[in-house]
Every structure is written in C-alpha cells, then in structure tokens.
Amino acid sequence: MQELNKNEKQKTQRYKGREESSKVEKKKLIHRGTKRSFPIWLRLLLLVCGIIVCFAVGTMIGYGVLGDGKPMNVFEKETWTHIIDLVEKEK
C-alpha cells in the first residue's frame, strides 16, 4: 500500500515538473520580442571595425618589425604595388 502511495507521489511530482517547464518555455517566448540593449547591427559594425584595425596593426607589425621597414609606409600605394609586383614576378 505504501508503494502505491510513493508511486502516486512520484507521478504528481513529475506532472508538476512538466507544468513548471512549460511555464519557463512560455516565459522564453514572451522575452523573445523584447528589444536588445546591444543591437545586432552594432555588433556587426564593431566586428568589421575590429577586423580592419587588426589588419592594419598586423600589416604594420609585419612590414615594420619583421620586414625592417617603416611601419607607416605600409599605408602608401607604392608599397603595395611593389608587393604585388614581387608576388606576380614569382609566377
């Protein structure tokens, strides 16, 4: 008899657990429509800006430190035409 009571209690606890989980799911659906504090378009803009800054710093380090040139010369057009000529000459 006690086993039946235990089984019944377990079943009611499982049912209550399902109710609570469905309430949580409903709350998640409600919060989906809220406005974000940090919009996605701003995240993408910051990502693109970060990529550009990393590219600029990386080329300055590569040309200035590893290549023994002046780091600011990496932004001149003549530097890039020289690099492109060296790459195409090898083919």
N, C-alpha and C. Protein backbone atom coordinates (compact mmCIF):
# COMPACT_ATOMS: atom_id res chain seq x y z
N MET A 1 0.80 -1.19 0.00
CA MET A 1 0.00 0.00 0.00
C MET A 1 0.86 1.26 0.00
N GLN A 2 1.93 1.20 0.77
CA GLN A 2 2.81 2.36 0.83
C GLN A 2 3.51 2.58 -0.52
N GLU A 3 3.79 1.48 -1.21
CA GLU A 3 4.43 1.60 -2.52
C GLU A 3 3.52 2.32 -3.51
N LEU A 4 2.25 2.06 -3.44
CA LEU A 4 1.31 2.74 -4.31
C LEU A 4 1.29 4.23 -4.02
N ASN A 5 1.32 4.59 -2.76
CA ASN A 5 1.34 6.00 -2.40
C ASN A 5 2.61 6.68 -2.90
N LYS A 6 3.74 5.98 -2.80
CA LYS A 6 5.00 6.53 -3.28
C LYS A 6 4.95 6.73 -4.79
N ASN A 7 4.40 5.75 -5.51
CA ASN A 7 4.29 5.86 -6.96
C ASN A 7 3.39 7.02 -7.36
N GLU A 8 2.29 7.16 -6.62
CA GLU A 8 1.37 8.26 -6.92
C GLU A 8 2.04 9.61 -6.67
N LYS A 9 2.81 9.70 -5.60
CA LYS A 9 3.52 10.95 -5.29
C LYS A 9 4.53 11.27 -6.39
N GLN A 10 5.23 10.25 -6.86
CA GLN A 10 6.22 10.47 -7.92
C GLN A 10 5.53 10.95 -9.20
N LYS A 11 4.38 10.37 -9.52
CA LYS A 11 3.65 10.78 -10.71
C LYS A 11 3.19 12.22 -10.60
N THR A 12 2.70 12.62 -9.42
CA THR A 12 2.25 14.01 -9.26
C THR A 12 3.43 14.96 -9.32
N GLN A 13 4.58 14.54 -8.79
CA GLN A 13 5.76 15.40 -8.85
C GLN A 13 6.23 15.56 -10.30
N ARG A 14 6.17 14.48 -11.07
CA ARG A 14 6.55 14.57 -12.49
C ARG A 14 5.61 15.51 -13.23
N TYR A 15 4.32 15.42 -12.93
CA TYR A 15 3.34 16.28 -13.58
C TYR A 15 3.59 17.74 -13.23
N LYS A 16 3.91 18.02 -11.98
CA LYS A 16 4.21 19.39 -11.56
C LYS A 16 5.48 19.89 -12.26
N GLY A 17 6.45 19.02 -12.41
CA GLY A 17 7.69 19.39 -13.10
C GLY A 17 7.42 19.77 -14.55
N ARG A 18 6.52 19.06 -15.20
CA ARG A 18 6.16 19.38 -16.58
C ARG A 18 5.46 20.72 -16.67
N GLU A 19 4.59 21.00 -15.70
CA GLU A 19 3.90 22.29 -15.69
C GLU A 19 4.89 23.43 -15.54
N GLU A 20 5.86 23.26 -14.64
CA GLU A 20 6.85 24.31 -14.42
C GLU A 20 7.71 24.52 -15.66
N SER A 21 8.09 23.44 -16.33
CA SER A 21 8.91 23.58 -17.53
C SER A 21 8.13 24.26 -18.65
N SER A 22 6.83 24.00 -18.73
CA SER A 22 6.04 24.67 -19.76
C SER A 22 5.90 26.15 -19.44
N LYS A 23 5.85 26.51 -18.17
CA LYS A 23 5.81 27.93 -17.79
C LYS A 23 7.11 28.62 -18.18
N VAL A 24 8.21 27.95 -17.99
CA VAL A 24 9.51 28.51 -18.36
C VAL A 24 9.58 28.72 -19.86
N GLU A 25 9.09 27.76 -20.64
CA GLU A 25 9.10 27.88 -22.09
C GLU A 25 8.23 29.05 -22.55
N LYS A 26 7.09 29.25 -21.89
CA LYS A 26 6.23 30.37 -22.23
C LYS A 26 6.91 31.69 -21.94
N LYS A 27 7.64 31.77 -20.82
CA LYS A 27 8.36 32.99 -20.48
C LYS A 27 9.43 33.29 -21.53
N LYS A 28 10.10 32.25 -22.01
CA LYS A 28 11.13 32.44 -23.04
C LYS A 28 10.51 33.00 -24.31
N LEU A 29 9.34 32.52 -24.67
CA LEU A 29 8.66 33.02 -25.86
C LEU A 29 8.26 34.48 -25.69
N ILE A 30 7.86 34.85 -24.50
CA ILE A 30 7.47 36.23 -24.25
C ILE A 30 8.69 37.14 -24.37
N HIS A 31 9.83 36.74 -23.84
CA HIS A 31 11.03 37.56 -23.85
C HIS A 31 11.68 37.66 -25.22
N ARG A 32 11.28 36.83 -26.15
CA ARG A 32 11.87 36.86 -27.48
C ARG A 32 11.61 38.17 -28.20
N GLY A 33 10.50 38.80 -27.95
CA GLY A 33 10.13 40.02 -28.64
C GLY A 33 10.70 41.28 -28.01
N THR A 34 11.44 41.17 -26.92
CA THR A 34 11.97 42.35 -26.26
C THR A 34 13.13 42.92 -27.05
N LYS A 35 13.38 44.20 -26.84
CA LYS A 35 14.44 44.89 -27.56
C LYS A 35 15.78 44.62 -26.88
N ARG A 36 16.80 44.40 -27.68
CA ARG A 36 18.13 44.13 -27.15
C ARG A 36 18.79 45.44 -26.72
N SER A 37 19.63 45.35 -25.70
CA SER A 37 20.33 46.54 -25.24
C SER A 37 21.54 46.83 -26.13
N PHE A 38 22.06 45.83 -26.80
CA PHE A 38 23.21 45.97 -27.69
C PHE A 38 22.81 45.34 -29.03
N PRO A 39 22.29 46.14 -29.98
CA PRO A 39 21.69 45.59 -31.20
C PRO A 39 22.69 44.80 -32.05
N ILE A 40 22.14 43.90 -32.85
CA ILE A 40 22.97 43.03 -33.68
C ILE A 40 23.72 43.85 -34.73
N TRP A 41 23.08 44.86 -35.32
CA TRP A 41 23.77 45.66 -36.34
C TRP A 41 24.97 46.38 -35.74
N LEU A 42 24.89 46.78 -34.47
CA LEU A 42 26.03 47.42 -33.83
C LEU A 42 27.14 46.41 -33.56
N ARG A 43 26.76 45.18 -33.21
CA ARG A 43 27.75 44.12 -33.02
C ARG A 43 28.50 43.84 -34.32
N LEU A 44 27.76 43.76 -35.42
CA LEU A 44 28.40 43.50 -36.71
C LEU A 44 29.30 44.66 -37.12
N LEU A 45 28.87 45.88 -36.86
CA LEU A 45 29.70 47.05 -37.18
C LEU A 45 30.99 47.04 -36.38
N LEU A 46 30.90 46.72 -35.09
CA LEU A 46 32.10 46.63 -34.27
C LEU A 46 33.01 45.49 -34.72
N LEU A 47 32.42 44.40 -35.17
CA LEU A 47 33.21 43.28 -35.67
C LEU A 47 34.00 43.68 -36.91
N VAL A 48 33.34 44.36 -37.84
CA VAL A 48 34.01 44.79 -39.06
C VAL A 48 35.12 45.80 -38.73
N CYS A 49 34.83 46.74 -37.83
CA CYS A 49 35.86 47.72 -37.43
C CYS A 49 37.03 47.02 -36.76
N GLY A 50 36.75 46.03 -35.93
CA GLY A 50 37.82 45.27 -35.28
C GLY A 50 38.68 44.52 -36.27
N ILE A 51 38.07 43.96 -37.30
CA ILE A 51 38.83 43.25 -38.33
C ILE A 51 39.73 44.21 -39.08
N ILE A 52 39.22 45.40 -39.40
CA ILE A 52 40.02 46.40 -40.12
C ILE A 52 41.20 46.85 -39.27
N VAL A 53 40.95 47.11 -37.98
CA VAL A 53 42.04 47.55 -37.09
C VAL A 53 43.09 46.46 -36.95
N CYS A 54 42.65 45.22 -36.79
CA CYS A 54 43.61 44.11 -36.66
C CYS A 54 44.43 43.94 -37.94
N PHE A 55 43.79 44.11 -39.08
CA PHE A 55 44.52 44.02 -40.35
C PHE A 55 45.58 45.12 -40.44
N ALA A 56 45.21 46.35 -40.07
CA ALA A 56 46.15 47.47 -40.14
C ALA A 56 47.32 47.27 -39.18
N VAL A 57 47.03 46.87 -37.96
CA VAL A 57 48.10 46.66 -36.98
C VAL A 57 48.98 45.48 -37.41
N GLY A 58 48.38 44.43 -37.92
CA GLY A 58 49.16 43.28 -38.36
C GLY A 58 50.08 43.60 -39.52
N THR A 59 49.59 44.37 -40.48
CA THR A 59 50.46 44.74 -41.60
C THR A 59 51.57 45.69 -41.15
N MET A 60 51.26 46.57 -40.22
CA MET A 60 52.30 47.47 -39.70
C MET A 60 53.39 46.68 -38.97
N ILE A 61 52.99 45.72 -38.18
CA ILE A 61 53.97 44.89 -37.46
C ILE A 61 54.76 44.05 -38.45
N GLY A 62 54.07 43.46 -39.40
CA GLY A 62 54.76 42.62 -40.38
C GLY A 62 55.74 43.39 -41.24
N TYR A 63 55.34 44.58 -41.68
CA TYR A 63 56.21 45.36 -42.56
C TYR A 63 57.28 46.11 -41.75
N GLY A 64 56.89 46.62 -40.59
CA GLY A 64 57.82 47.43 -39.81
C GLY A 64 58.80 46.63 -38.98
N VAL A 65 58.32 45.63 -38.29
CA VAL A 65 59.18 44.88 -37.36
C VAL A 65 59.85 43.70 -38.07
N LEU A 66 59.06 42.90 -38.73
CA LEU A 66 59.62 41.72 -39.38
C LEU A 66 60.32 42.06 -40.69
N GLY A 67 59.84 43.08 -41.39
CA GLY A 67 60.40 43.42 -42.69
C GLY A 67 61.42 44.54 -42.65
N ASP A 68 61.73 45.07 -41.49
CA ASP A 68 62.72 46.13 -41.30
C ASP A 68 62.41 47.38 -42.13
N GLY A 69 61.14 47.72 -42.28
CA GLY A 69 60.74 48.95 -42.94
C GLY A 69 60.09 49.88 -41.94
N LYS A 70 59.65 51.03 -42.43
CA LYS A 70 58.93 51.94 -41.54
C LYS A 70 57.47 51.50 -41.49
N PRO A 71 56.93 51.34 -40.29
CA PRO A 71 55.56 50.82 -40.18
C PRO A 71 54.51 51.67 -40.89
N MET A 72 54.67 52.97 -40.96
CA MET A 72 53.67 53.83 -41.59
C MET A 72 53.73 53.74 -43.12
N ASN A 73 54.82 53.23 -43.67
CA ASN A 73 54.93 53.08 -45.12
C ASN A 73 53.98 52.02 -45.67
N VAL A 74 53.43 51.20 -44.79
CA VAL A 74 52.53 50.15 -45.24
C VAL A 74 51.23 50.74 -45.82
N PHE A 75 50.92 51.98 -45.49
CA PHE A 75 49.70 52.61 -45.99
C PHE A 75 49.90 53.37 -47.30
N GLU A 76 51.10 53.36 -47.84
CA GLU A 76 51.37 54.04 -49.11
C GLU A 76 51.08 53.10 -50.28
N LYS A 77 50.64 53.69 -51.38
CA LYS A 77 50.28 52.91 -52.56
C LYS A 77 51.51 52.24 -53.18
N GLU A 78 52.64 52.93 -53.16
CA GLU A 78 53.87 52.38 -53.76
C GLU A 78 54.30 51.08 -53.08
N THR A 79 54.10 51.00 -51.79
CA THR A 79 54.47 49.79 -51.05
C THR A 79 53.67 48.59 -51.56
N TRP A 80 52.36 48.78 -51.74
CA TRP A 80 51.51 47.68 -52.18
C TRP A 80 51.75 47.32 -53.64
N THR A 81 52.04 48.30 -54.48
CA THR A 81 52.37 47.96 -55.87
C THR A 81 53.67 47.17 -55.92
N HIS A 82 54.63 47.51 -55.07
CA HIS A 82 55.89 46.77 -55.01
C HIS A 82 55.64 45.33 -54.53
N ILE A 83 54.80 45.17 -53.52
CA ILE A 83 54.50 43.83 -53.01
C ILE A 83 53.78 43.00 -54.08
N ILE A 84 52.83 43.60 -54.76
CA ILE A 84 52.09 42.89 -55.82
C ILE A 84 53.04 42.51 -56.97
N ASP A 85 53.95 43.41 -57.34
CA ASP A 85 54.92 43.10 -58.39
C ASP A 85 55.81 41.92 -57.98
N LEU A 86 56.21 41.88 -56.71
CA LEU A 86 57.05 40.76 -56.24
C LEU A 86 56.29 39.44 -56.30
N VAL A 87 55.03 39.46 -55.95
CA VAL A 87 54.22 38.24 -55.95
C VAL A 87 53.98 37.76 -57.38
N GLU A 88 53.65 38.68 -58.29
CA GLU A 88 53.37 38.31 -59.66
C GLU A 88 54.65 37.90 -60.41
N LYS A 89 55.77 38.41 -60.01
CA LYS A 89 57.03 38.10 -60.67
C LYS A 89 57.42 36.63 -60.46
N GLU A 90 57.02 36.06 -59.30
CA GLU A 90 57.37 34.68 -58.99
C GLU A 90 56.61 33.67 -59.85
N LYS A 91 55.49 34.05 -60.43
CA LYS A 91 54.68 33.11 -61.21
C LYS A 91 55.24 32.86 -62.54
